[in-house]
Amino acid sequence: MSKFRKKDKGGLPAISTASLPDIVFMLLFFFMVATVMRDSSLMIENQLPSADQVEKLKKDRTVFIYGGKPSSQYSQFGSEPRIQFNDAFIGVNDVKPSVLQAISELNEELQSMVVIGLKVDKDTNAGLVSDIKQELRKANALKIMYIANVKTEQ
């Protein structure tokens, strides 16, 4: 009998965690670069009309105005078509100051080339669109585009 016993050599070595912080920071950097921040959350029902000739424009010089009935989670605002600008419902009289403020927040070289994009639900009456256009004329925002989906051929 020996005085000293040999240890069992069958155990696994411990896993090295030295590179774990590098991996975590690499993933963090990836998600920071790949994530797109949303401009505004839609508070209205917005099914766009279809068009057969659609052209894509740059978003950096576009200000969007939404029109349509409030969605089901905003039913406390009624069922009449409303105007949404950024993240708030506005009245027809608030279109001009809201657009002028949004234009002033753009870069100076883009302010003269700004285009107003109207994303209006296809079931919204033309009176609301006409009122918005009248207010845009008062704000001297004369470049207007109507946002539509591409018409699929059947």
N, C-alpha and C. Protein backbone atom coordinates (compact mmCIF):
# COMPACT_ATOMS: atom_id res chain seq x y z
N MET A 1 0.82 -1.17 0.00
CA MET A 1 0.00 0.00 0.00
C MET A 1 0.87 1.24 0.00
N SER A 2 0.45 2.09 -0.88
CA SER A 2 1.22 3.31 -0.95
C SER A 2 0.58 4.39 -0.11
N LYS A 3 1.41 5.28 0.28
CA LYS A 3 0.93 6.33 1.15
C LYS A 3 0.17 7.41 0.35
N PHE A 4 0.55 7.61 -0.91
CA PHE A 4 -0.08 8.63 -1.76
C PHE A 4 -0.91 7.95 -2.84
N ARG A 5 -2.12 8.50 -3.09
CA ARG A 5 -2.99 7.95 -4.14
C ARG A 5 -2.94 8.84 -5.37
N LYS A 6 -3.03 8.23 -6.49
CA LYS A 6 -3.05 8.99 -7.74
C LYS A 6 -4.47 9.51 -7.99
N LYS A 7 -4.54 10.75 -8.52
CA LYS A 7 -5.86 11.33 -8.81
C LYS A 7 -6.37 10.77 -10.14
N ASP A 8 -7.69 10.74 -10.27
CA ASP A 8 -8.30 10.31 -11.53
C ASP A 8 -8.08 11.39 -12.58
N LYS A 9 -7.65 10.97 -13.76
CA LYS A 9 -7.37 11.94 -14.83
C LYS A 9 -8.54 12.04 -15.81
N GLY A 10 -9.70 11.58 -15.48
CA GLY A 10 -10.83 11.56 -16.39
C GLY A 10 -11.63 12.85 -16.45
N GLY A 11 -11.38 13.88 -15.66
CA GLY A 11 -12.17 15.11 -15.63
C GLY A 11 -11.87 16.02 -16.81
N LEU A 12 -12.86 16.83 -17.22
CA LEU A 12 -12.69 17.78 -18.33
C LEU A 12 -12.12 19.09 -17.80
N PRO A 13 -11.29 19.77 -18.59
CA PRO A 13 -10.76 21.06 -18.14
C PRO A 13 -11.87 22.12 -18.18
N ALA A 14 -11.74 23.19 -17.43
CA ALA A 14 -12.73 24.27 -17.40
C ALA A 14 -12.71 25.04 -18.73
N ILE A 15 -13.87 25.55 -19.12
CA ILE A 15 -13.99 26.31 -20.38
C ILE A 15 -13.46 27.72 -20.14
N SER A 16 -12.62 28.18 -21.05
CA SER A 16 -12.05 29.51 -20.93
C SER A 16 -13.08 30.56 -21.35
N THR A 17 -13.29 31.55 -20.51
CA THR A 17 -14.24 32.63 -20.82
C THR A 17 -13.51 33.94 -21.14
N ALA A 18 -12.27 33.86 -21.53
CA ALA A 18 -11.49 35.06 -21.81
C ALA A 18 -12.00 35.81 -23.03
N SER A 19 -12.53 35.12 -24.03
CA SER A 19 -13.00 35.79 -25.25
C SER A 19 -14.48 36.17 -25.18
N LEU A 20 -15.15 35.89 -24.10
CA LEU A 20 -16.58 36.19 -23.98
C LEU A 20 -16.88 37.69 -24.10
N PRO A 21 -16.14 38.60 -23.45
CA PRO A 21 -16.44 40.03 -23.63
C PRO A 21 -16.29 40.49 -25.08
N ASP A 22 -15.32 39.93 -25.81
CA ASP A 22 -15.16 40.30 -27.22
C ASP A 22 -16.38 39.91 -28.04
N ILE A 23 -16.91 38.74 -27.77
CA ILE A 23 -18.08 38.26 -28.49
C ILE A 23 -19.30 39.12 -28.16
N VAL A 24 -19.47 39.46 -26.90
CA VAL A 24 -20.61 40.29 -26.48
C VAL A 24 -20.55 41.66 -27.15
N PHE A 25 -19.39 42.30 -27.16
CA PHE A 25 -19.27 43.62 -27.78
C PHE A 25 -19.44 43.54 -29.30
N MET A 26 -19.00 42.46 -29.91
CA MET A 26 -19.19 42.30 -31.34
C MET A 26 -20.69 42.18 -31.67
N LEU A 27 -21.43 41.42 -30.88
CA LEU A 27 -22.88 41.31 -31.09
C LEU A 27 -23.58 42.63 -30.83
N LEU A 28 -23.18 43.33 -29.79
CA LEU A 28 -23.77 44.63 -29.48
C LEU A 28 -23.55 45.60 -30.63
N PHE A 29 -22.34 45.65 -31.15
CA PHE A 29 -22.04 46.54 -32.27
C PHE A 29 -22.86 46.16 -33.51
N PHE A 30 -23.00 44.86 -33.77
CA PHE A 30 -23.78 44.41 -34.93
C PHE A 30 -25.23 44.89 -34.82
N PHE A 31 -25.85 44.70 -33.65
CA PHE A 31 -27.25 45.09 -33.51
C PHE A 31 -27.42 46.61 -33.51
N MET A 32 -26.43 47.34 -33.04
CA MET A 32 -26.53 48.80 -33.10
C MET A 32 -26.49 49.29 -34.54
N VAL A 33 -25.70 48.65 -35.38
CA VAL A 33 -25.58 49.06 -36.78
C VAL A 33 -26.76 48.58 -37.60
N ALA A 34 -27.25 47.38 -37.33
CA ALA A 34 -28.28 46.77 -38.16
C ALA A 34 -29.71 47.21 -37.79
N THR A 35 -29.92 47.80 -36.64
CA THR A 35 -31.26 48.17 -36.21
C THR A 35 -31.69 49.49 -36.85
N VAL A 36 -32.92 49.53 -37.32
CA VAL A 36 -33.48 50.73 -37.92
C VAL A 36 -34.51 51.29 -36.95
N MET A 37 -34.38 52.56 -36.64
CA MET A 37 -35.33 53.20 -35.74
C MET A 37 -36.56 53.63 -36.54
N ARG A 38 -37.73 53.42 -35.97
CA ARG A 38 -38.97 53.77 -36.63
C ARG A 38 -39.23 55.27 -36.46
N ASP A 39 -39.71 55.92 -37.53
CA ASP A 39 -39.98 57.36 -37.47
C ASP A 39 -41.16 57.67 -36.57
N SER A 40 -42.27 57.06 -36.85
CA SER A 40 -43.46 57.29 -36.04
C SER A 40 -44.33 56.03 -36.08
N SER A 41 -45.14 55.88 -35.05
CA SER A 41 -46.04 54.73 -35.02
C SER A 41 -47.37 55.15 -35.62
N LEU A 42 -47.93 54.30 -36.42
CA LEU A 42 -49.15 54.61 -37.14
C LEU A 42 -50.35 54.48 -36.21
N MET A 43 -51.14 55.54 -36.13
CA MET A 43 -52.30 55.58 -35.25
C MET A 43 -53.61 55.47 -36.03
N ILE A 44 -53.51 55.32 -37.33
CA ILE A 44 -54.71 55.26 -38.17
C ILE A 44 -54.68 54.00 -39.01
N GLU A 45 -55.85 53.64 -39.55
CA GLU A 45 -55.90 52.56 -40.52
C GLU A 45 -55.43 53.14 -41.85
N ASN A 46 -54.49 52.47 -42.47
CA ASN A 46 -53.90 53.06 -43.67
C ASN A 46 -53.69 51.98 -44.72
N GLN A 47 -54.71 51.73 -45.52
CA GLN A 47 -54.59 50.86 -46.68
C GLN A 47 -54.48 51.77 -47.89
N LEU A 48 -53.29 51.79 -48.47
CA LEU A 48 -53.02 52.71 -49.56
C LEU A 48 -53.69 52.25 -50.85
N PRO A 49 -54.10 53.19 -51.70
CA PRO A 49 -54.66 52.82 -52.99
C PRO A 49 -53.57 52.24 -53.89
N SER A 50 -53.99 51.59 -54.96
CA SER A 50 -53.05 50.99 -55.91
C SER A 50 -52.85 51.91 -57.11
N ALA A 51 -51.66 51.86 -57.67
CA ALA A 51 -51.34 52.64 -58.87
C ALA A 51 -50.46 51.80 -59.78
N ASP A 52 -50.53 52.05 -61.08
CA ASP A 52 -49.74 51.24 -61.99
C ASP A 52 -48.41 51.91 -62.36
N GLN A 53 -48.25 53.20 -62.13
CA GLN A 53 -46.99 53.88 -62.41
C GLN A 53 -46.50 54.52 -61.11
N VAL A 54 -45.61 53.81 -60.41
CA VAL A 54 -45.12 54.24 -59.12
C VAL A 54 -43.63 54.53 -59.24
N GLU A 55 -43.19 55.60 -58.58
CA GLU A 55 -41.79 56.00 -58.62
C GLU A 55 -41.28 56.13 -57.19
N LYS A 56 -40.09 55.63 -56.92
CA LYS A 56 -39.51 55.70 -55.58
C LYS A 56 -38.71 56.98 -55.44
N LEU A 57 -38.94 57.70 -54.32
CA LEU A 57 -38.23 58.95 -54.05
C LEU A 57 -37.39 58.81 -52.79
N LYS A 58 -36.43 59.72 -52.63
CA LYS A 58 -35.58 59.71 -51.45
C LYS A 58 -36.37 60.15 -50.22
N LYS A 59 -36.13 59.48 -49.09
CA LYS A 59 -36.86 59.81 -47.87
C LYS A 59 -36.23 60.96 -47.09
N ASP A 60 -35.01 61.35 -47.41
CA ASP A 60 -34.34 62.37 -46.61
C ASP A 60 -34.95 63.76 -46.79
N ARG A 61 -35.70 63.97 -47.85
CA ARG A 61 -36.31 65.28 -48.07
C ARG A 61 -37.83 65.19 -48.14
N THR A 62 -38.39 64.17 -47.51
CA THR A 62 -39.84 63.96 -47.55
C THR A 62 -40.43 64.10 -46.16
N VAL A 63 -41.54 64.83 -46.07
CA VAL A 63 -42.31 64.96 -44.84
C VAL A 63 -43.64 64.25 -45.09
N PHE A 64 -44.00 63.32 -44.21
CA PHE A 64 -45.20 62.51 -44.43
C PHE A 64 -46.37 63.01 -43.59
N ILE A 65 -47.54 63.02 -44.22
CA ILE A 65 -48.81 63.32 -43.54
C ILE A 65 -49.71 62.12 -43.80
N TYR A 66 -50.29 61.57 -42.73
CA TYR A 66 -51.15 60.40 -42.83
C TYR A 66 -52.61 60.82 -42.65
N GLY A 67 -53.50 60.13 -43.33
CA GLY A 67 -54.92 60.41 -43.20
C GLY A 67 -55.72 59.13 -43.21
N GLY A 68 -56.73 59.05 -42.34
CA GLY A 68 -57.59 57.88 -42.29
C GLY A 68 -58.30 57.77 -40.96
N LYS A 69 -59.12 56.73 -40.83
CA LYS A 69 -59.84 56.50 -39.58
C LYS A 69 -58.87 56.05 -38.50
N PRO A 70 -59.07 56.45 -37.24
CA PRO A 70 -58.22 55.95 -36.16
C PRO A 70 -58.33 54.43 -36.05
N SER A 71 -57.21 53.78 -35.76
CA SER A 71 -57.22 52.32 -35.63
C SER A 71 -57.97 51.91 -34.37
N SER A 72 -58.18 50.61 -34.21
CA SER A 72 -59.02 50.12 -33.12
C SER A 72 -58.47 50.48 -31.74
N GLN A 73 -57.17 50.56 -31.56
CA GLN A 73 -56.64 50.90 -30.24
C GLN A 73 -56.75 52.39 -29.94
N TYR A 74 -57.07 53.21 -30.95
CA TYR A 74 -57.30 54.64 -30.75
C TYR A 74 -58.76 54.99 -31.03
N SER A 75 -59.67 54.10 -30.69
CA SER A 75 -61.09 54.31 -30.98
C SER A 75 -61.69 55.44 -30.15
N GLN A 76 -61.00 55.90 -29.09
CA GLN A 76 -61.52 57.00 -28.28
C GLN A 76 -61.53 58.31 -29.06
N PHE A 77 -60.84 58.37 -30.20
CA PHE A 77 -60.82 59.56 -31.03
C PHE A 77 -61.95 59.57 -32.06
N GLY A 78 -62.81 58.57 -32.04
CA GLY A 78 -63.95 58.52 -32.94
C GLY A 78 -63.67 57.69 -34.17
N SER A 79 -64.63 57.71 -35.10
CA SER A 79 -64.50 56.91 -36.31
C SER A 79 -64.37 57.78 -37.56
N GLU A 80 -64.37 59.09 -37.39
CA GLU A 80 -64.21 60.00 -38.53
C GLU A 80 -62.74 60.03 -38.95
N PRO A 81 -62.46 60.21 -40.24
CA PRO A 81 -61.06 60.30 -40.69
C PRO A 81 -60.32 61.44 -40.01
N ARG A 82 -59.08 61.18 -39.61
CA ARG A 82 -58.25 62.15 -38.91
C ARG A 82 -56.94 62.33 -39.65
N ILE A 83 -56.22 63.39 -39.30
CA ILE A 83 -54.90 63.67 -39.86
C ILE A 83 -53.87 63.34 -38.79
N GLN A 84 -52.86 62.55 -39.17
CA GLN A 84 -51.77 62.24 -38.25
C GLN A 84 -50.48 62.81 -38.81
N PHE A 85 -49.78 63.56 -37.97
CA PHE A 85 -48.48 64.11 -38.33
C PHE A 85 -47.51 63.70 -37.24
N ASN A 86 -46.44 63.00 -37.62
CA ASN A 86 -45.51 62.39 -36.68
C ASN A 86 -46.28 61.45 -35.76
N ASP A 87 -46.30 61.67 -34.47
CA ASP A 87 -46.98 60.76 -33.55
C ASP A 87 -48.19 61.39 -32.90
N ALA A 88 -48.86 62.31 -33.57
CA ALA A 88 -50.00 62.99 -32.96
C ALA A 88 -51.08 63.26 -34.00
N PHE A 89 -52.33 63.25 -33.53
CA PHE A 89 -53.44 63.67 -34.37
C PHE A 89 -53.44 65.20 -34.37
N ILE A 90 -53.64 65.78 -35.54
CA ILE A 90 -53.72 67.24 -35.64
C ILE A 90 -54.98 67.60 -36.41
N GLY A 91 -55.42 68.83 -36.23
CA GLY A 91 -56.56 69.33 -36.98
C GLY A 91 -56.10 69.93 -38.29
N VAL A 92 -57.05 70.29 -39.12
CA VAL A 92 -56.72 70.88 -40.42
C VAL A 92 -55.96 72.19 -40.23
N ASN A 93 -56.32 72.98 -39.22
CA ASN A 93 -55.65 74.26 -38.99
C ASN A 93 -54.21 74.09 -38.50
N ASP A 94 -53.86 72.91 -37.99
CA ASP A 94 -52.51 72.67 -37.47
C ASP A 94 -51.56 72.11 -38.54
N VAL A 95 -52.05 71.89 -39.76
CA VAL A 95 -51.20 71.33 -40.81
C VAL A 95 -50.10 72.31 -41.19
N LYS A 96 -50.46 73.57 -41.41
CA LYS A 96 -49.47 74.57 -41.85
C LYS A 96 -48.35 74.73 -40.82
N PRO A 97 -48.63 75.00 -39.53
CA PRO A 97 -47.51 75.16 -38.59
C PRO A 97 -46.68 73.88 -38.41
N SER A 98 -47.32 72.73 -38.46
CA SER A 98 -46.59 71.47 -38.29
C SER A 98 -45.63 71.23 -39.45
N VAL A 99 -46.09 71.51 -40.67
CA VAL A 99 -45.25 71.32 -41.85
C VAL A 99 -44.10 72.32 -41.85
N LEU A 100 -44.39 73.57 -41.52
CA LEU A 100 -43.34 74.59 -41.48
C LEU A 100 -42.28 74.24 -40.44
N GLN A 101 -42.69 73.70 -39.30
CA GLN A 101 -41.73 73.31 -38.27
C GLN A 101 -40.88 72.13 -38.75
N ALA A 102 -41.51 71.14 -39.40
CA ALA A 102 -40.77 69.98 -39.90
C ALA A 102 -39.77 70.39 -40.97
N ILE A 103 -40.15 71.33 -41.83
CA ILE A 103 -39.24 71.80 -42.87
C ILE A 103 -38.06 72.55 -42.25
N SER A 104 -38.32 73.35 -41.22
CA SER A 104 -37.23 74.11 -40.59
C SER A 104 -36.24 73.19 -39.87
N GLU A 105 -36.66 71.98 -39.51
CA GLU A 105 -35.76 71.05 -38.82
C GLU A 105 -34.86 70.28 -39.79
N LEU A 106 -35.12 70.38 -41.11
CA LEU A 106 -34.28 69.71 -42.10
C LEU A 106 -33.00 70.50 -42.35
N ASN A 107 -32.04 69.87 -43.02
CA ASN A 107 -30.82 70.57 -43.42
C ASN A 107 -31.17 71.74 -44.34
N GLU A 108 -30.36 72.79 -44.30
CA GLU A 108 -30.65 73.99 -45.08
C GLU A 108 -30.73 73.72 -46.57
N GLU A 109 -29.84 72.87 -47.09
CA GLU A 109 -29.85 72.61 -48.53
C GLU A 109 -31.05 71.77 -48.97
N LEU A 110 -31.67 71.05 -48.02
CA LEU A 110 -32.84 70.23 -48.36
C LEU A 110 -34.16 70.97 -48.19
N GLN A 111 -34.15 72.11 -47.51
CA GLN A 111 -35.40 72.82 -47.23
C GLN A 111 -36.10 73.30 -48.50
N SER A 112 -35.35 73.66 -49.51
CA SER A 112 -35.99 74.13 -50.75
C SER A 112 -36.47 72.98 -51.63
N MET A 113 -35.99 71.76 -51.35
CA MET A 113 -36.37 70.61 -52.17
C MET A 113 -37.32 69.66 -51.46
N VAL A 114 -37.92 70.10 -50.37
CA VAL A 114 -38.77 69.21 -49.58
C VAL A 114 -40.03 68.83 -50.36
N VAL A 115 -40.44 67.57 -50.18
CA VAL A 115 -41.64 67.06 -50.82
C VAL A 115 -42.56 66.56 -49.71
N ILE A 116 -43.84 66.89 -49.80
CA ILE A 116 -44.82 66.44 -48.82
C ILE A 116 -45.44 65.15 -49.35
N GLY A 117 -45.34 64.08 -48.57
CA GLY A 117 -45.92 62.79 -48.95
C GLY A 117 -47.24 62.58 -48.24
N LEU A 118 -48.30 62.38 -48.99
CA LEU A 118 -49.62 62.11 -48.41
C LEU A 118 -49.89 60.61 -48.45
N LYS A 119 -49.95 60.01 -47.28
CA LYS A 119 -50.30 58.60 -47.15
C LYS A 119 -51.73 58.56 -46.62
N VAL A 120 -52.67 58.56 -47.54
CA VAL A 120 -54.08 58.64 -47.18
C VAL A 120 -54.75 57.31 -47.47
N ASP A 121 -55.55 56.85 -46.54
CA ASP A 121 -56.29 55.60 -46.68
C ASP A 121 -57.20 55.69 -47.90
N LYS A 122 -57.35 54.56 -48.59
CA LYS A 122 -58.13 54.58 -49.83
C LYS A 122 -59.62 54.81 -49.59
N ASP A 123 -60.11 54.60 -48.37
CA ASP A 123 -61.53 54.83 -48.06
C ASP A 123 -61.80 56.22 -47.49
N THR A 124 -60.78 57.06 -47.41
CA THR A 124 -60.95 58.42 -46.88
C THR A 124 -61.58 59.30 -47.94
N ASN A 125 -62.48 60.20 -47.51
CA ASN A 125 -63.15 61.06 -48.48
C ASN A 125 -62.20 62.12 -49.02
N ALA A 126 -62.51 62.63 -50.19
CA ALA A 126 -61.64 63.60 -50.87
C ALA A 126 -61.67 64.96 -50.19
N GLY A 127 -62.66 65.23 -49.37
CA GLY A 127 -62.74 66.52 -48.68
C GLY A 127 -61.58 66.74 -47.73
N LEU A 128 -61.18 65.69 -47.01
CA LEU A 128 -60.05 65.79 -46.09
C LEU A 128 -58.76 66.05 -46.86
N VAL A 129 -58.59 65.36 -47.98
CA VAL A 129 -57.39 65.56 -48.81
C VAL A 129 -57.37 66.98 -49.36
N SER A 130 -58.51 67.47 -49.77
CA SER A 130 -58.60 68.84 -50.30
C SER A 130 -58.26 69.86 -49.21
N ASP A 131 -58.75 69.64 -47.99
CA ASP A 131 -58.43 70.56 -46.89
C ASP A 131 -56.94 70.56 -46.59
N ILE A 132 -56.31 69.38 -46.61
CA ILE A 132 -54.87 69.29 -46.37
C ILE A 132 -54.12 70.05 -47.46
N LYS A 133 -54.54 69.88 -48.70
CA LYS A 133 -53.87 70.56 -49.82
C LYS A 133 -54.01 72.08 -49.72
N GLN A 134 -55.17 72.56 -49.26
CA GLN A 134 -55.35 74.00 -49.09
C GLN A 134 -54.39 74.55 -48.04
N GLU A 135 -54.22 73.82 -46.94
CA GLU A 135 -53.29 74.26 -45.89
C GLU A 135 -51.84 74.20 -46.37
N LEU A 136 -51.52 73.21 -47.19
CA LEU A 136 -50.16 73.12 -47.72
C LEU A 136 -49.87 74.28 -48.68
N ARG A 137 -50.89 74.74 -49.40
CA ARG A 137 -50.71 75.91 -50.28
C ARG A 137 -50.40 77.15 -49.44
N LYS A 138 -51.09 77.29 -48.30
CA LYS A 138 -50.83 78.44 -47.42
C LYS A 138 -49.41 78.39 -46.86
N ALA A 139 -48.87 77.18 -46.66
CA ALA A 139 -47.51 77.02 -46.15
C ALA A 139 -46.47 77.09 -47.27
N ASN A 140 -46.91 77.28 -48.50
CA ASN A 140 -46.05 77.31 -49.68
C ASN A 140 -45.29 75.99 -49.86
N ALA A 141 -45.91 74.91 -49.47
CA ALA A 141 -45.37 73.56 -49.70
C ALA A 141 -46.11 73.00 -50.90
N LEU A 142 -45.59 73.28 -52.07
CA LEU A 142 -46.33 72.98 -53.30
C LEU A 142 -45.92 71.67 -53.95
N LYS A 143 -44.85 71.05 -53.49
CA LYS A 143 -44.44 69.76 -54.04
C LYS A 143 -45.09 68.66 -53.21
N ILE A 144 -46.09 68.02 -53.79
CA ILE A 144 -46.88 67.01 -53.09
C ILE A 144 -46.82 65.72 -53.88
N MET A 145 -46.68 64.61 -53.18
CA MET A 145 -46.78 63.31 -53.84
C MET A 145 -47.77 62.46 -53.05
N TYR A 146 -48.48 61.63 -53.77
CA TYR A 146 -49.43 60.72 -53.17
C TYR A 146 -48.78 59.34 -53.09
N ILE A 147 -48.72 58.77 -51.93
CA ILE A 147 -48.09 57.47 -51.74
C ILE A 147 -49.11 56.40 -52.06
N ALA A 148 -48.71 55.42 -52.88
CA ALA A 148 -49.61 54.34 -53.29
C ALA A 148 -48.84 53.04 -53.37
N ASN A 149 -49.55 51.94 -53.33
CA ASN A 149 -48.96 50.61 -53.53
C ASN A 149 -48.88 50.32 -55.02
N VAL A 150 -47.98 49.44 -55.39
CA VAL A 150 -47.87 49.03 -56.79
C VAL A 150 -49.04 48.11 -57.13
N LYS A 151 -49.70 48.42 -58.24
CA LYS A 151 -50.84 47.61 -58.67
C LYS A 151 -50.33 46.30 -59.22
N THR A 152 -50.86 45.19 -58.73
CA THR A 152 -50.47 43.88 -59.24
C THR A 152 -51.41 43.50 -60.36
N GLU A 153 -50.83 42.98 -61.43
CA GLU A 153 -51.65 42.58 -62.58
C GLU A 153 -52.30 41.23 -62.30
N GLN A 154 -53.55 41.11 -62.67
CA GLN A 154 -54.30 39.88 -62.42
C GLN A 154 -54.64 39.19 -63.71
